[in-house]
Amino acid sequence: MKTGAGDAVKSPVAGLRAGAIVKLNAAFLAFFFLVYMALLLHPNYSHILDRGASSLVRCTFRDACPSASQLPRKGGRSSASASANKAVVATERIVNAGRAPTMFSELRGRLRMGLVNIGRDELLALGVEGDAVAVGFDRVSDVFRWSDLFPEWIDEEEEDGVPSCPEIPMPDFSRYDDGEVDVVVAALPCNRTAPQGWNRDVFRLQVHLVAAQVAARKGRRDGGGRVRVVLRSACEPMMDLFRCDESVGREGDWWMYNVDAPRLEEKLRLPVGSCNLALPLWGPTGIHEVLNSSDQLTAVNAGNPRREAYATVLHSSDRYLCGAIVLAQSIRRSGSTRDMVLLHDHTVSKPALRALVAAGWIPRRIRRIRNPRAERGSYNEYNYSKFRLWQLTEYFRVVFIDADILVLRSLDALFRFPQISAVGNDGSLFNSGIMVIEPSACTFEALVRGRRTIRSYNGGDQGYLNEVFVWWHRLPRRVNYLKNFWANTTGERALKERLFGAEPAEVWSIHYLGLKPWRCYRDYDCNWNIDDQRVYASDEAHRRWWQVYDQMGEVMRGPCALSERRKIEIAWDRHVAQEIGYDDQHWKINITDPRKWE
C-alpha cells in the first residue's frame, strides 16, 4: 500500500519492544518499592536508611544551624562554646527512624531531649523523634583520682582549716533556660581497665552526676515528681543515683528509668564525695560546740509520714546477744522513739528473745545468707545475712547499728541522710558499723545475685557493700567512734579517754573493738591483759557501757552471763599479764563482778 509523504510506518516488532520495556521498568519500580518499605518498617534494618540522618536534622532557632565545630563534644565543650559561655544552646530536630524496643514505647510523640555525652545519631535505636539539646561540660582531668574525692582522712575537727572537695566540672545551666526536657539521654563510660576498677572511674561518676543534674534541674516531672532518664552503658549504672526501684527496663546496653526527682535533688545537695562532711560536726558558735543534731531534723509531712527504724542483725551464735540488749537500751536512753527491728536466725533461743523484746527490739526471724567465698565455720561464713536489711521495705529508711555499739547521743538526725551515709574507714571506704540504708526488694536481689562475682576486700559484708555503693556520704567519725588507740601516743589516749567519758556526751556512739565489755568482768577492760588487744583497752569506754547495763532489769541481764569456759579464759589471760608484768597492773584489780560466781 502506498502512503503519503507525512505518514510514519510502525513496525510490529518495535511496538512489542516498547511494551516490554514499560513492563520491565514497572516491575523494577515495584520491586524497589517493596524493598524500601520492608527496610523502613523492620526495626533491625531501619537504621540503614538513616545513615544520612544529618540531612533530616534542622535547627528550630531561626534555622541557624551551628557548624560541627561549634557543637558541644561528648564530655566537654568545644573551644567555640567555651568562649561564648552564655550563648543560647541550639536545639536540633530528630526524625523517627522506625520502630524501637517496646521498653521505649512511652517515648512517643515529639519529645524534647537533653543529651549528655551522646550524639544525636546514636539515638536511632530508640526510635524517638523531636528536639534534642546537647548538654556540654568540660571533661574532668585525667589526673583526677578517685582518692581525691574519697580520701582516707579529712580534717573533720577543723584543727587546721575547713575541709573542702575538689570541683568536678558541671554544665553551665544558665545556657539552658529555654524550657524543660521530656527525657534525659546519657552515655555512661565503662572503662574496665581503670586502675581502681570501672565502678571507681571519675569520668564515669562525672557523667552520672551531669545526667542527674539535668534530670533534677531541667527534667519535666509527672504527677508523681518523676523524670524519664535513658542511659546507655555496658556496665550497670550506679545504684547510688539511679535505683533499680525506678527502672522501667533494660534492652541490651540501654537502661530506662523513671527517676524520683525530689530524691535525686536530696542526693545532689550533699558533697560530691567523702572529701567533706554530709553532717556538720560543730554547732553555729564554732568548733567549741558539738552540733545538736536534733536541730537538723526536718518536719515530716503529717499527711504522708515516713516510717523509719533502727535495726541490727544477730546470726550464727549468741556472742552478741548481750550487746544487742544494751544497744537497744542506749537508743531509748538517747530519747529516740523510732522502731527498733532485730533480724535474727534460729540460733537465738526463746529466753534470749524475751530479753531482747524486753529491751525494745521488734524481732524478725530470717534465713541466713552464706558468703560463698568464706570458709566453713569461719566468722564471715554467714555475714551476708546483713543483706536482709534491704527487705525491711515497710520502712523508708533504716539506720543499721552493729550490736557492739553503745549510743550516747540521739542518732535520729541520720534519717535525714540518704543511702549510703556512714563514717570513713581505710582508704576510700566506709565503715558499715553504722550506716543509713534505703530498703528495696530489687536492691536485696541485686546484692544476693552478685555474691559470686563481687569480691570483698576483707571477705566480709563491709568489703562487699563498698564495692556496690561506691558513692557514699561521710558522717563525722564521732557518730561511730571506734574504741582503738592505733596511734599509740599519749595525746591520742588523753583525747579519746576524755571523749569517752565526757558529760554531756561529745561523741554520738562508741564502737567497741577488741574484746567486748560483756565478755569481760565489769571491774576493768580485759583487753589490757592481752598483748595484741591492748590497743583496744579503755577504762572510760568500759565504764560507760556498764553504766547502761546496771540500769537494766534482771530479765534483760540473763543473756549476759559468762560461761565457765569464758571465766577460765579470763583467769588465764590475767595470769599471763601478771607473768609479763604490764605496768598498768590491771591484772591486780580485785574482781567484784557477781557474774564470776553465778
Protein backbone atom coordinates (compact mmCIF):
# COMPACT_ATOMS: atom_id res chain seq x y z
CA MET A 1 0.00 0.00 0.00
CA LYS A 2 1.17 3.39 -0.82
CA THR A 3 1.28 6.04 1.83
CA GLY A 4 1.56 9.74 1.89
CA ALA A 5 4.81 11.53 2.48
CA GLY A 6 3.76 12.52 6.05
CA ASP A 7 2.79 9.04 7.19
CA ALA A 8 5.11 7.03 9.50
CA VAL A 9 5.44 3.35 9.09
CA LYS A 10 5.11 1.48 12.51
CA SER A 11 6.95 -1.80 12.76
CA PRO A 12 5.15 -4.54 14.77
CA VAL A 13 8.50 -5.57 16.25
CA ALA A 14 9.22 -2.06 17.56
CA GLY A 15 5.81 -1.95 19.26
CA LEU A 16 6.50 -5.17 21.09
CA ARG A 17 9.89 -3.92 22.30
CA ALA A 18 8.39 -0.70 23.71
CA GLY A 19 5.72 -2.60 25.64
CA ALA A 20 8.29 -4.95 27.14
CA ILE A 21 10.46 -2.04 28.33
CA VAL A 22 7.49 -0.37 30.03
CA LYS A 23 6.56 -3.60 31.82
CA LEU A 24 10.16 -4.21 32.87
CA ASN A 25 10.51 -0.69 34.31
CA ALA A 26 7.26 -1.11 36.24
CA ALA A 27 8.46 -4.41 37.68
CA PHE A 28 11.75 -2.86 38.83
CA LEU A 29 9.91 0.07 40.42
CA ALA A 30 7.55 -2.27 42.27
CA PHE A 31 10.47 -4.41 43.49
CA PHE A 32 12.45 -1.48 44.83
CA PHE A 33 9.34 -0.01 46.47
CA LEU A 34 8.71 -3.28 48.31
CA VAL A 35 12.35 -3.47 49.45
CA TYR A 36 12.23 0.16 50.65
CA MET A 37 9.06 -0.44 52.68
CA ALA A 38 10.49 -3.61 54.20
CA LEU A 39 13.63 -1.80 55.33
CA LEU A 40 11.62 1.15 56.63
CA LEU A 41 9.34 -0.99 58.77
CA HIS A 42 11.83 -3.57 60.04
CA PRO A 43 13.44 -2.42 63.37
CA ASN A 44 16.65 -4.34 62.74
CA TYR A 45 17.39 -2.65 59.40
CA SER A 46 15.68 0.72 59.50
CA HIS A 47 18.96 2.38 60.54
CA ILE A 48 20.37 1.70 57.03
CA LEU A 49 18.08 4.38 55.64
CA ASP A 50 19.24 6.88 58.24
CA ARG A 51 22.99 6.92 57.72
CA GLY A 52 22.43 10.29 56.17
CA ALA A 53 20.21 11.33 59.07
CA SER A 54 22.00 14.64 59.37
CA SER A 55 20.11 15.75 56.26
CA LEU A 56 16.89 15.29 58.23
CA VAL A 57 18.05 17.41 61.17
CA ARG A 58 17.25 21.09 61.24
CA CYS A 59 17.64 23.82 63.82
CA THR A 60 14.49 25.21 65.38
CA PHE A 61 16.15 28.51 66.41
CA ARG A 62 15.75 30.72 63.29
CA ASP A 63 17.04 27.82 61.15
CA ALA A 64 20.61 28.83 62.02
CA CYS A 65 22.45 25.54 62.47
CA PRO A 66 25.86 25.73 64.16
CA SER A 67 28.74 24.09 62.38
CA ALA A 68 30.13 20.79 63.63
CA SER A 69 33.00 22.62 65.34
CA GLN A 70 30.50 24.70 67.32
CA LEU A 71 28.53 21.78 68.70
CA PRO A 72 29.48 20.57 72.21
CA ARG A 73 31.62 17.45 72.13
CA LYS A 74 30.98 14.38 74.22
CA GLY A 75 32.14 15.05 77.71
CA GLY A 76 33.27 18.62 77.06
CA ARG A 77 32.65 21.97 75.45
CA SER A 78 34.30 22.94 72.22
CA SER A 79 36.56 25.96 72.18
CA ALA A 80 33.85 27.97 70.45
CA SER A 81 31.18 27.14 73.01
CA ALA A 82 33.54 27.76 75.90
CA SER A 83 34.36 31.24 74.64
CA ALA A 84 30.68 32.09 74.25
CA ASN A 85 29.76 30.80 77.67
CA LYS A 86 26.37 32.44 77.90
CA ALA A 87 25.28 31.76 74.33
CA VAL A 88 21.94 30.06 73.84
CA VAL A 89 22.34 26.38 73.03
CA ALA A 90 20.79 25.30 69.74
CA THR A 91 18.06 22.68 69.60
CA GLU A 92 18.17 20.07 66.85
CA ARG A 93 15.31 18.11 65.33
CA ILE A 94 15.41 14.31 65.18
CA VAL A 95 13.04 12.40 62.90
CA ASN A 96 11.75 8.99 63.96
CA ALA A 97 13.90 6.30 62.40
CA GLY A 98 11.39 3.49 62.78
CA ARG A 99 10.18 1.04 65.38
CA ALA A 100 12.08 0.62 68.66
CA PRO A 101 12.03 -1.92 71.53
CA THR A 102 8.77 -1.95 73.47
CA MET A 103 10.61 -0.65 76.55
CA PHE A 104 10.72 2.75 74.86
CA SER A 105 7.06 2.72 73.81
CA GLU A 106 6.29 5.64 76.13
CA LEU A 107 8.88 7.76 74.30
CA ARG A 108 6.42 8.68 71.58
CA GLY A 109 5.33 11.95 70.13
CA ARG A 110 7.51 14.97 69.64
CA LEU A 111 9.92 14.94 72.58
CA ARG A 112 12.40 17.45 73.84
CA MET A 113 15.56 15.53 74.79
CA GLY A 114 18.59 16.52 76.86
CA LEU A 115 21.68 14.69 75.58
CA VAL A 116 24.64 14.02 77.88
CA ASN A 117 27.84 12.56 76.43
CA ILE A 118 25.91 11.15 73.46
CA GLY A 119 25.37 12.25 69.87
CA ARG A 120 22.06 12.57 68.08
CA ASP A 121 22.90 9.81 65.59
CA GLU A 122 23.26 7.39 68.50
CA LEU A 123 19.56 7.83 69.35
CA LEU A 124 18.33 6.00 66.25
CA ALA A 125 17.96 2.77 68.24
CA LEU A 126 15.36 4.46 70.43
CA GLY A 127 13.06 5.27 67.53
CA VAL A 128 12.37 8.71 69.01
CA GLU A 129 11.65 11.96 67.30
CA GLY A 130 11.66 15.54 68.45
CA ASP A 131 14.10 18.23 69.53
CA ALA A 132 17.49 17.44 71.03
CA VAL A 133 19.65 19.71 73.19
CA ALA A 134 23.27 18.63 73.66
CA VAL A 135 24.39 19.46 77.21
CA GLY A 136 28.05 20.48 77.13
CA PHE A 137 30.52 20.23 80.00
CA ASP A 138 34.28 20.18 80.48
CA ARG A 139 35.57 16.67 80.93
CA VAL A 140 37.27 16.05 84.26
CA SER A 141 41.07 15.94 84.06
CA ASP A 142 42.74 12.57 83.56
CA VAL A 143 44.97 13.26 86.57
CA PHE A 144 41.88 13.38 88.81
CA ARG A 145 41.83 10.27 91.04
CA TRP A 146 39.02 8.62 92.98
CA SER A 147 41.01 9.16 96.17
CA ASP A 148 40.79 12.92 95.54
CA LEU A 149 37.04 12.66 96.09
CA PHE A 150 37.14 9.87 98.68
CA PRO A 151 40.28 10.45 100.78
CA GLU A 152 41.10 8.22 103.71
CA TRP A 153 41.23 11.17 106.11
CA ILE A 154 39.89 14.71 106.26
CA ASP A 155 40.27 17.38 108.94
CA GLU A 156 36.83 16.83 110.48
CA GLU A 157 37.77 18.63 113.69
CA GLU A 158 38.85 21.68 111.64
CA GLU A 159 42.09 21.96 113.56
CA ASP A 160 43.93 23.37 110.54
CA GLY A 161 41.03 24.53 108.38
CA VAL A 162 37.66 23.64 106.92
CA PRO A 163 37.82 20.58 104.62
CA SER A 164 36.71 21.06 101.02
CA CYS A 165 36.18 18.99 97.90
CA PRO A 166 37.81 19.41 94.50
CA GLU A 167 35.43 20.57 91.80
CA ILE A 168 34.03 18.25 89.17
CA PRO A 169 33.05 20.38 86.15
CA MET A 170 29.30 20.67 85.65
CA PRO A 171 27.27 22.28 82.83
CA ASP A 172 26.52 25.99 82.86
CA PHE A 173 22.76 25.67 83.28
CA SER A 174 22.20 29.36 82.58
CA ARG A 175 22.71 28.43 78.91
CA TYR A 176 19.77 26.02 79.04
CA ASP A 177 16.98 28.26 80.30
CA ASP A 178 14.62 27.75 77.38
CA GLY A 179 12.39 25.09 78.88
CA GLU A 180 12.26 21.58 80.30
CA VAL A 181 13.21 18.32 78.63
CA ASP A 182 10.90 15.31 78.38
CA VAL A 183 13.72 12.78 78.70
CA VAL A 184 17.42 12.84 79.60
CA VAL A 185 19.59 10.53 77.49
CA ALA A 186 23.20 9.82 78.52
CA ALA A 187 26.02 7.51 77.50
CA LEU A 188 27.97 6.26 80.53
CA PRO A 189 31.60 5.25 80.05
CA CYS A 190 32.55 1.74 81.14
CA ASN A 191 36.33 1.58 81.44
CA ARG A 192 37.06 -1.95 82.66
CA THR A 193 40.79 -1.21 82.63
CA ALA A 194 40.52 1.73 85.08
CA PRO A 195 43.18 1.47 87.82
CA GLN A 196 40.65 1.27 90.68
CA GLY A 197 38.00 -0.60 88.70
CA TRP A 198 35.30 0.52 86.30
CA ASN A 199 32.98 1.49 89.17
CA ARG A 200 35.53 3.98 90.59
CA ASP A 201 36.25 5.85 87.36
CA VAL A 202 35.99 9.61 87.95
CA PHE A 203 34.78 10.39 84.42
CA ARG A 204 32.03 7.80 84.81
CA LEU A 205 30.95 9.48 88.05
CA GLN A 206 31.02 12.86 86.32
CA VAL A 207 28.66 11.71 83.54
CA HIS A 208 26.33 10.18 86.15
CA LEU A 209 26.25 13.46 88.07
CA VAL A 210 25.69 15.57 84.94
CA ALA A 211 22.79 13.35 83.87
CA ALA A 212 21.34 13.51 87.38
CA GLN A 213 21.69 17.30 87.50
CA VAL A 214 19.96 17.70 84.13
CA ALA A 215 17.12 15.41 85.30
CA ALA A 216 16.72 17.29 88.60
CA ARG A 217 17.02 20.80 87.15
CA LYS A 218 15.54 20.52 83.67
CA GLY A 219 13.52 17.31 83.59
CA ARG A 220 9.76 17.57 83.10
CA ARG A 221 8.14 15.87 86.10
CA ASP A 222 4.99 13.81 86.00
CA GLY A 223 2.31 13.98 88.68
CA GLY A 224 4.45 11.85 91.00
CA GLY A 225 7.56 14.01 90.59
CA ARG A 226 9.31 11.54 88.29
CA VAL A 227 11.56 12.28 85.33
CA ARG A 228 12.38 9.93 82.44
CA VAL A 229 16.06 9.05 82.07
CA VAL A 230 17.59 6.73 79.44
CA LEU A 231 21.17 5.54 79.89
CA ARG A 232 23.43 3.61 77.55
CA SER A 233 26.10 1.62 79.37
CA ALA A 234 27.82 -1.75 79.09
CA CYS A 235 28.20 -1.63 82.91
CA GLU A 236 25.36 -1.33 85.38
CA PRO A 237 24.54 2.31 86.23
CA MET A 238 25.34 3.48 89.76
CA MET A 239 22.67 2.27 92.17
CA ASP A 240 23.58 5.25 94.36
CA LEU A 241 21.93 7.62 91.84
CA PHE A 242 19.71 5.52 89.59
CA ARG A 243 17.90 2.99 91.76
CA CYS A 244 16.65 -0.33 90.50
CA ASP A 245 13.23 0.53 92.01
CA GLU A 246 12.98 3.30 89.43
CA SER A 247 13.94 1.08 86.50
CA VAL A 248 11.48 0.70 83.62
CA GLY A 249 13.55 -1.96 81.88
CA ARG A 250 16.70 -2.85 80.01
CA GLU A 251 17.34 -3.66 76.35
CA GLY A 252 20.95 -4.61 75.61
CA ASP A 253 23.10 -1.68 76.75
CA TRP A 254 20.07 0.63 77.11
CA TRP A 255 18.58 1.25 80.56
CA MET A 256 15.45 3.29 81.20
CA TYR A 257 14.33 4.87 84.50
CA ASN A 258 11.50 6.96 85.88
CA VAL A 259 13.59 8.82 88.45
CA ASP A 260 12.19 10.31 91.66
CA ALA A 261 13.39 13.90 91.15
CA PRO A 262 12.98 15.09 94.79
CA ARG A 263 15.06 12.13 95.99
CA LEU A 264 17.69 12.94 93.37
CA GLU A 265 17.80 16.57 94.50
CA GLU A 266 18.38 15.40 98.06
CA LYS A 267 21.40 13.36 96.96
CA LEU A 268 22.83 16.15 94.82
CA ARG A 269 22.75 18.67 97.68
CA LEU A 270 25.39 16.63 99.50
CA PRO A 271 29.16 16.94 98.95
CA VAL A 272 30.42 15.35 95.74
CA GLY A 273 32.40 12.79 97.73
CA SER A 274 33.60 11.89 101.22
CA CYS A 275 36.05 14.81 100.94
CA ASN A 276 33.67 16.81 103.15
CA LEU A 277 31.13 16.03 105.84
CA ALA A 278 27.48 15.49 104.97
CA LEU A 279 26.52 16.15 108.61
CA PRO A 280 28.33 19.10 110.24
CA LEU A 281 30.29 18.31 113.38
CA TRP A 282 30.29 21.72 115.04
CA GLY A 283 27.41 23.95 116.04
CA PRO A 284 26.81 27.55 114.91
CA THR A 285 29.11 29.08 117.54
CA GLY A 286 32.22 27.35 116.20
CA ILE A 287 34.49 24.44 117.00
CA HIS A 288 33.86 24.56 120.75
CA GLU A 289 30.21 23.45 120.47
CA VAL A 290 29.33 19.98 119.21
CA LEU A 291 26.34 20.19 116.87
CA ASN A 292 22.95 19.46 118.41
CA SER A 293 21.81 17.05 115.72
CA SER A 294 18.17 17.31 116.78
CA ASP A 295 18.24 20.80 115.27
CA GLN A 296 18.96 19.17 111.91
CA LEU A 297 15.69 17.25 111.85
CA THR A 298 13.20 18.49 109.29
CA ALA A 299 9.46 18.40 109.61
CA VAL A 300 7.81 15.39 108.01
CA ASN A 301 4.62 15.79 106.04
CA ALA A 302 1.95 14.77 108.53
CA GLY A 303 -0.29 13.52 105.73
CA ASN A 304 2.33 11.09 104.48
CA PRO A 305 4.68 10.24 107.35
CA ARG A 306 7.79 8.26 106.55
CA ARG A 307 8.32 5.13 108.59
CA GLU A 308 11.88 4.83 109.85
CA ALA A 309 13.65 2.31 112.07
CA TYR A 310 16.89 1.31 113.72
CA ALA A 311 18.00 -2.25 113.04
CA THR A 312 20.66 -4.77 113.98
CA VAL A 313 21.39 -8.37 112.97
CA LEU A 314 22.17 -11.46 115.09
CA HIS A 315 23.11 -14.77 113.50
CA SER A 316 25.10 -17.97 113.95
CA SER A 317 25.86 -17.65 117.70
CA ASP A 318 24.87 -15.95 120.96
CA ARG A 319 28.10 -13.96 121.32
CA TYR A 320 26.41 -10.59 120.58
CA LEU A 321 23.11 -11.10 122.41
CA CYS A 322 24.12 -9.03 125.44
CA GLY A 323 25.50 -6.29 123.19
CA ALA A 324 22.20 -6.07 121.28
CA ILE A 325 20.24 -5.73 124.53
CA VAL A 326 22.41 -2.89 125.83
CA LEU A 327 22.36 -1.25 122.38
CA ALA A 328 18.55 -1.13 122.44
CA GLN A 329 18.55 0.39 125.92
CA SER A 330 21.11 3.01 124.88
CA ILE A 331 18.97 4.02 121.88
CA ARG A 332 15.96 4.53 124.13
CA ARG A 333 18.06 6.43 126.68
CA SER A 334 19.12 8.81 123.88
CA GLY A 335 15.47 9.86 123.52
CA SER A 336 14.56 8.10 120.26
CA THR A 337 11.10 6.62 119.79
CA ARG A 338 11.78 5.08 116.36
CA ASP A 339 11.03 1.40 115.79
CA MET A 340 13.91 -0.96 116.58
CA VAL A 341 13.96 -4.10 114.41
CA LEU A 342 16.09 -7.14 115.23
CA LEU A 343 16.85 -9.57 112.41
CA HIS A 344 17.81 -12.93 113.92
CA ASP A 345 18.23 -16.53 112.84
CA HIS A 346 17.34 -19.85 114.51
CA THR A 347 20.31 -19.73 116.91
CA VAL A 348 18.57 -17.16 119.16
CA SER A 349 16.75 -19.03 121.96
CA LYS A 350 13.30 -18.20 123.29
CA PRO A 351 14.60 -16.92 126.66
CA ALA A 352 17.05 -14.70 124.76
CA LEU A 353 14.22 -13.41 122.56
CA ARG A 354 12.21 -12.49 125.66
CA ALA A 355 15.14 -10.43 126.92
CA LEU A 356 15.59 -8.77 123.52
CA VAL A 357 11.89 -7.88 123.34
CA ALA A 358 12.03 -6.51 126.89
CA ALA A 359 14.91 -4.28 125.76
CA GLY A 360 12.73 -2.84 122.98
CA TRP A 361 13.54 -4.88 119.88
CA ILE A 362 10.88 -5.99 117.38
CA PRO A 363 12.17 -9.47 116.45
CA ARG A 364 12.01 -10.80 112.92
CA ARG A 365 13.35 -14.25 112.08
CA ILE A 366 15.40 -14.61 108.91
CA ARG A 367 17.18 -17.30 106.94
CA ARG A 368 20.91 -16.81 106.94
CA ILE A 369 22.73 -15.88 103.72
CA ARG A 370 26.03 -17.66 103.20
CA ASN A 371 29.12 -15.93 101.89
CA PRO A 372 30.22 -18.34 99.11
CA ARG A 373 33.85 -17.23 99.43
CA ALA A 374 34.08 -17.81 103.19
CA GLU A 375 35.47 -20.95 104.82
CA ARG A 376 33.07 -23.27 106.61
CA GLY A 377 32.76 -22.36 110.26
CA SER A 378 34.57 -19.01 109.85
CA TYR A 379 33.44 -15.67 111.28
CA ASN A 380 32.48 -14.44 107.80
CA GLU A 381 30.54 -17.53 106.71
CA TYR A 382 27.06 -16.02 107.18
CA ASN A 383 27.80 -12.32 107.45
CA TYR A 384 25.98 -11.66 104.16
CA SER A 385 22.82 -12.11 106.25
CA LYS A 386 23.11 -8.34 106.70
CA PHE A 387 21.68 -8.03 103.17
CA ARG A 388 18.29 -8.88 104.73
CA LEU A 389 18.15 -5.28 105.97
CA TRP A 390 17.09 -4.27 102.45
CA GLN A 391 13.97 -6.44 102.86
CA LEU A 392 12.57 -4.08 105.51
CA THR A 393 10.56 -2.37 102.78
CA GLU A 394 7.84 -1.14 105.11
CA TYR A 395 10.38 1.49 106.21
CA PHE A 396 11.52 4.42 104.10
CA ARG A 397 14.94 4.47 105.75
CA VAL A 398 16.77 2.26 108.21
CA VAL A 399 19.79 3.12 110.35
CA PHE A 400 21.76 -0.07 110.89
CA ILE A 401 23.85 -0.29 114.08
CA ASP A 402 26.24 -3.11 114.97
CA ALA A 403 25.45 -4.89 118.24
CA ASP A 404 28.85 -3.94 119.73
CA ILE A 405 28.00 -0.21 119.70
CA LEU A 406 26.72 1.95 122.56
CA VAL A 407 24.65 5.03 121.61
CA LEU A 408 25.32 8.14 123.74
CA ARG A 409 23.51 10.88 121.75
CA SER A 410 20.41 10.66 119.58
CA LEU A 411 21.12 9.40 116.08
CA ASP A 412 17.67 10.34 114.76
CA ALA A 413 19.17 13.07 112.58
CA LEU A 414 20.72 10.34 110.41
CA PHE A 415 17.29 9.57 108.97
CA ARG A 416 17.64 12.82 107.01
CA PHE A 417 20.51 11.37 105.01
CA PRO A 418 20.32 9.05 102.00
CA GLN A 419 21.86 5.67 101.33
CA ILE A 420 24.78 5.13 101.97
CA SER A 421 25.75 7.57 104.74
CA ALA A 422 28.48 6.32 107.09
CA VAL A 423 31.81 7.24 108.68
CA GLY A 424 35.08 6.68 106.85
CA ASN A 425 37.25 3.61 107.17
CA ASP A 426 40.52 2.68 105.44
CA GLY A 427 41.31 4.19 102.03
CA SER A 428 38.24 5.33 100.11
CA LEU A 429 35.92 3.01 102.02
CA PHE A 430 33.17 3.46 104.60
CA ASN A 431 32.66 1.65 107.91
CA SER A 432 29.41 -0.32 107.91
CA GLY A 433 29.08 -0.37 111.73
CA ILE A 434 26.54 2.47 111.48
CA MET A 435 25.05 3.20 108.09
CA VAL A 436 21.90 4.64 106.57
CA ILE A 437 20.19 2.38 104.04
CA GLU A 438 17.00 2.57 101.97
CA PRO A 439 15.21 -0.80 101.91
CA SER A 440 14.38 -2.12 98.46
CA ALA A 441 13.41 -5.60 97.25
CA CYS A 442 15.32 -5.28 93.99
CA THR A 443 18.43 -3.95 95.78
CA PHE A 444 18.31 -7.02 98.02
CA GLU A 445 18.05 -9.26 94.96
CA ALA A 446 20.99 -7.47 93.32
CA LEU A 447 23.12 -7.93 96.45
CA VAL A 448 22.35 -11.65 96.62
CA ARG A 449 22.86 -12.08 92.87
CA GLY A 450 26.34 -10.55 92.99
CA ARG A 451 27.74 -12.77 95.75
CA ARG A 452 29.77 -14.96 93.39
CA THR A 453 31.13 -12.20 91.16
CA ILE A 454 31.80 -9.27 93.52
CA ARG A 455 34.92 -9.63 95.64
CA SER A 456 35.10 -8.23 99.16
CA TYR A 457 38.46 -6.75 100.13
CA ASN A 458 38.18 -8.26 103.63
CA GLY A 459 35.98 -11.25 102.85
CA GLY A 460 33.10 -9.70 104.80
CA ASP A 461 29.93 -7.72 104.24
CA GLN A 462 31.70 -4.38 104.70
CA GLY A 463 34.06 -5.03 101.81
CA TYR A 464 31.22 -6.30 99.63
CA LEU A 465 28.97 -3.29 100.27
CA ASN A 466 31.85 -0.94 99.49
CA GLU A 467 32.10 -2.48 96.01
CA VAL A 468 28.38 -1.95 95.37
CA PHE A 469 27.86 1.50 96.92
CA VAL A 470 30.95 3.44 95.83
CA TRP A 471 29.39 6.92 96.01
CA TRP A 472 28.77 7.29 99.74
CA HIS A 473 28.39 10.24 102.10
CA ARG A 474 30.71 10.90 105.04
CA LEU A 475 29.38 11.30 108.56
CA PRO A 476 31.64 12.61 111.36
CA ARG A 477 33.71 9.82 112.90
CA ARG A 478 32.21 10.84 116.25
CA VAL A 479 28.95 9.30 115.00
CA ASN A 480 30.62 5.86 115.02
CA TYR A 481 33.63 6.46 117.27
CA LEU A 482 35.98 3.49 117.22
CA LYS A 483 37.47 2.34 120.51
CA ASN A 484 41.09 1.99 119.49
CA PHE A 485 44.43 3.63 120.14
CA TRP A 486 46.30 2.67 117.00
CA ALA A 487 48.47 5.81 117.02
CA ASN A 488 49.80 4.65 120.42
CA THR A 489 50.55 8.19 121.60
CA THR A 490 49.91 9.89 124.92
CA GLY A 491 47.97 12.65 123.18
CA GLU A 492 45.67 10.22 121.39
CA ARG A 493 44.85 8.35 124.59
CA ALA A 494 44.22 11.55 126.54
CA LEU A 495 41.85 12.90 123.86
CA LYS A 496 39.88 9.69 123.38
CA GLU A 497 39.55 8.88 127.08
CA ARG A 498 38.19 12.41 127.60
CA LEU A 499 35.68 11.96 124.77
CA PHE A 500 34.58 8.53 126.02
CA GLY A 501 33.85 9.93 129.48
CA ALA A 502 32.51 13.41 128.62
CA GLU A 503 29.22 14.53 130.16
CA PRO A 504 27.17 15.55 128.29
CA ALA A 505 28.45 13.17 125.62
CA GLU A 506 30.61 14.62 122.87
CA VAL A 507 30.50 11.50 120.69
CA TRP A 508 27.30 10.01 119.32
CA SER A 509 28.35 6.41 119.95
CA ILE A 510 31.25 4.16 120.94
CA HIS A 511 32.13 1.19 118.72
CA TYR A 512 33.77 -1.46 120.92
CA LEU A 513 36.61 -3.11 119.03
CA GLY A 514 38.61 -5.99 120.51
CA LEU A 515 37.12 -7.98 123.39
CA LYS A 516 33.59 -6.76 124.12
CA PRO A 517 32.61 -5.32 127.53
CA TRP A 518 30.17 -8.15 128.29
CA ARG A 519 32.96 -10.67 127.64
CA CYS A 520 34.97 -9.08 130.47
CA TYR A 521 34.23 -8.54 134.14
CA ARG A 522 32.70 -5.19 134.94
CA ASP A 523 35.72 -4.25 137.07
CA TYR A 524 38.03 -3.39 134.15
CA ASP A 525 38.56 -3.75 130.40
CA CYS A 526 40.13 -7.18 129.91
CA ASN A 527 41.77 -6.05 126.65
CA TRP A 528 44.55 -4.81 128.99
CA ASN A 529 45.54 -8.43 129.66
CA ILE A 530 46.30 -9.47 126.06
CA ASP A 531 49.28 -8.11 124.19
CA ASP A 532 47.73 -7.70 120.73
CA GLN A 533 44.43 -6.38 122.18
CA ARG A 534 45.84 -3.63 124.39
CA VAL A 535 45.34 -1.07 121.58
CA TYR A 536 41.58 -1.51 122.22
CA ALA A 537 41.70 -1.10 126.02
CA SER A 538 39.88 1.87 127.59
CA ASP A 539 38.69 2.14 131.20
CA GLU A 540 36.41 5.10 130.39
CA ALA A 541 34.66 3.40 127.47
CA HIS A 542 34.33 0.22 129.54
CA ARG A 543 32.75 2.14 132.43
CA ARG A 544 30.33 3.90 130.05
CA TRP A 545 28.95 0.61 128.73
CA TRP A 546 28.42 -0.82 132.22
CA GLN A 547 26.50 2.29 133.28
CA VAL A 548 23.74 1.30 130.86
CA TYR A 549 23.91 -2.36 131.86
CA ASP A 550 23.47 -1.50 135.54
CA GLN A 551 20.12 0.18 134.83
CA MET A 552 18.64 -2.85 133.07
CA GLY A 553 16.17 -5.25 134.65
CA GLU A 554 17.01 -8.85 135.55
CA VAL A 555 15.24 -10.30 132.50
CA MET A 556 17.50 -8.32 130.18
CA ARG A 557 20.66 -9.29 132.08
CA GLY A 558 20.11 -13.02 131.61
CA PRO A 559 21.93 -13.42 128.26
CA CYS A 560 24.93 -11.51 129.67
CA ALA A 561 26.07 -14.32 131.98
CA LEU A 562 29.59 -15.68 131.44
CA SER A 563 30.13 -19.33 130.58
CA GLU A 564 32.53 -21.40 132.67
CA ARG A 565 34.84 -21.64 129.71
CA ARG A 566 34.94 -17.85 129.37
CA LYS A 567 35.75 -17.46 133.09
CA ILE A 568 38.71 -19.82 132.68
CA GLU A 569 39.93 -17.83 129.64
CA ILE A 570 39.80 -14.56 131.61
CA ALA A 571 41.70 -16.12 134.52
CA TRP A 572 44.40 -17.42 132.18
CA ASP A 573 44.78 -14.04 130.45
CA ARG A 574 45.20 -12.37 133.89
CA HIS A 575 47.88 -14.90 134.78
CA VAL A 576 49.79 -14.27 131.53
CA ALA A 577 49.56 -10.49 132.04
CA GLN A 578 50.98 -10.92 135.56
CA GLU A 579 53.84 -13.04 134.21
CA ILE A 580 54.64 -10.38 131.62
CA GLY A 581 54.32 -7.69 134.28
CA TYR A 582 52.39 -4.99 132.42
CA ASP A 583 52.99 -1.64 134.12
CA ASP A 584 49.31 -0.69 134.20
CA GLN A 585 48.76 -3.66 136.57
CA HIS A 586 45.12 -4.20 135.64
CA TRP A 587 45.75 -7.89 136.31
CA LYS A 588 45.99 -6.99 140.04
CA ILE A 589 42.50 -5.45 140.24
CA ASN A 590 40.20 -7.39 142.55
CA ILE A 591 37.17 -8.87 140.77
CA THR A 592 33.81 -7.92 142.31
CA ASP A 593 31.53 -8.69 139.34
CA PRO A 594 28.86 -11.10 140.68
CA ARG A 595 28.87 -12.94 137.35
CA LYS A 596 32.16 -14.53 138.43
CA TRP A 597 30.28 -16.67 140.93
CA GLU A 598 26.99 -17.16 139.04
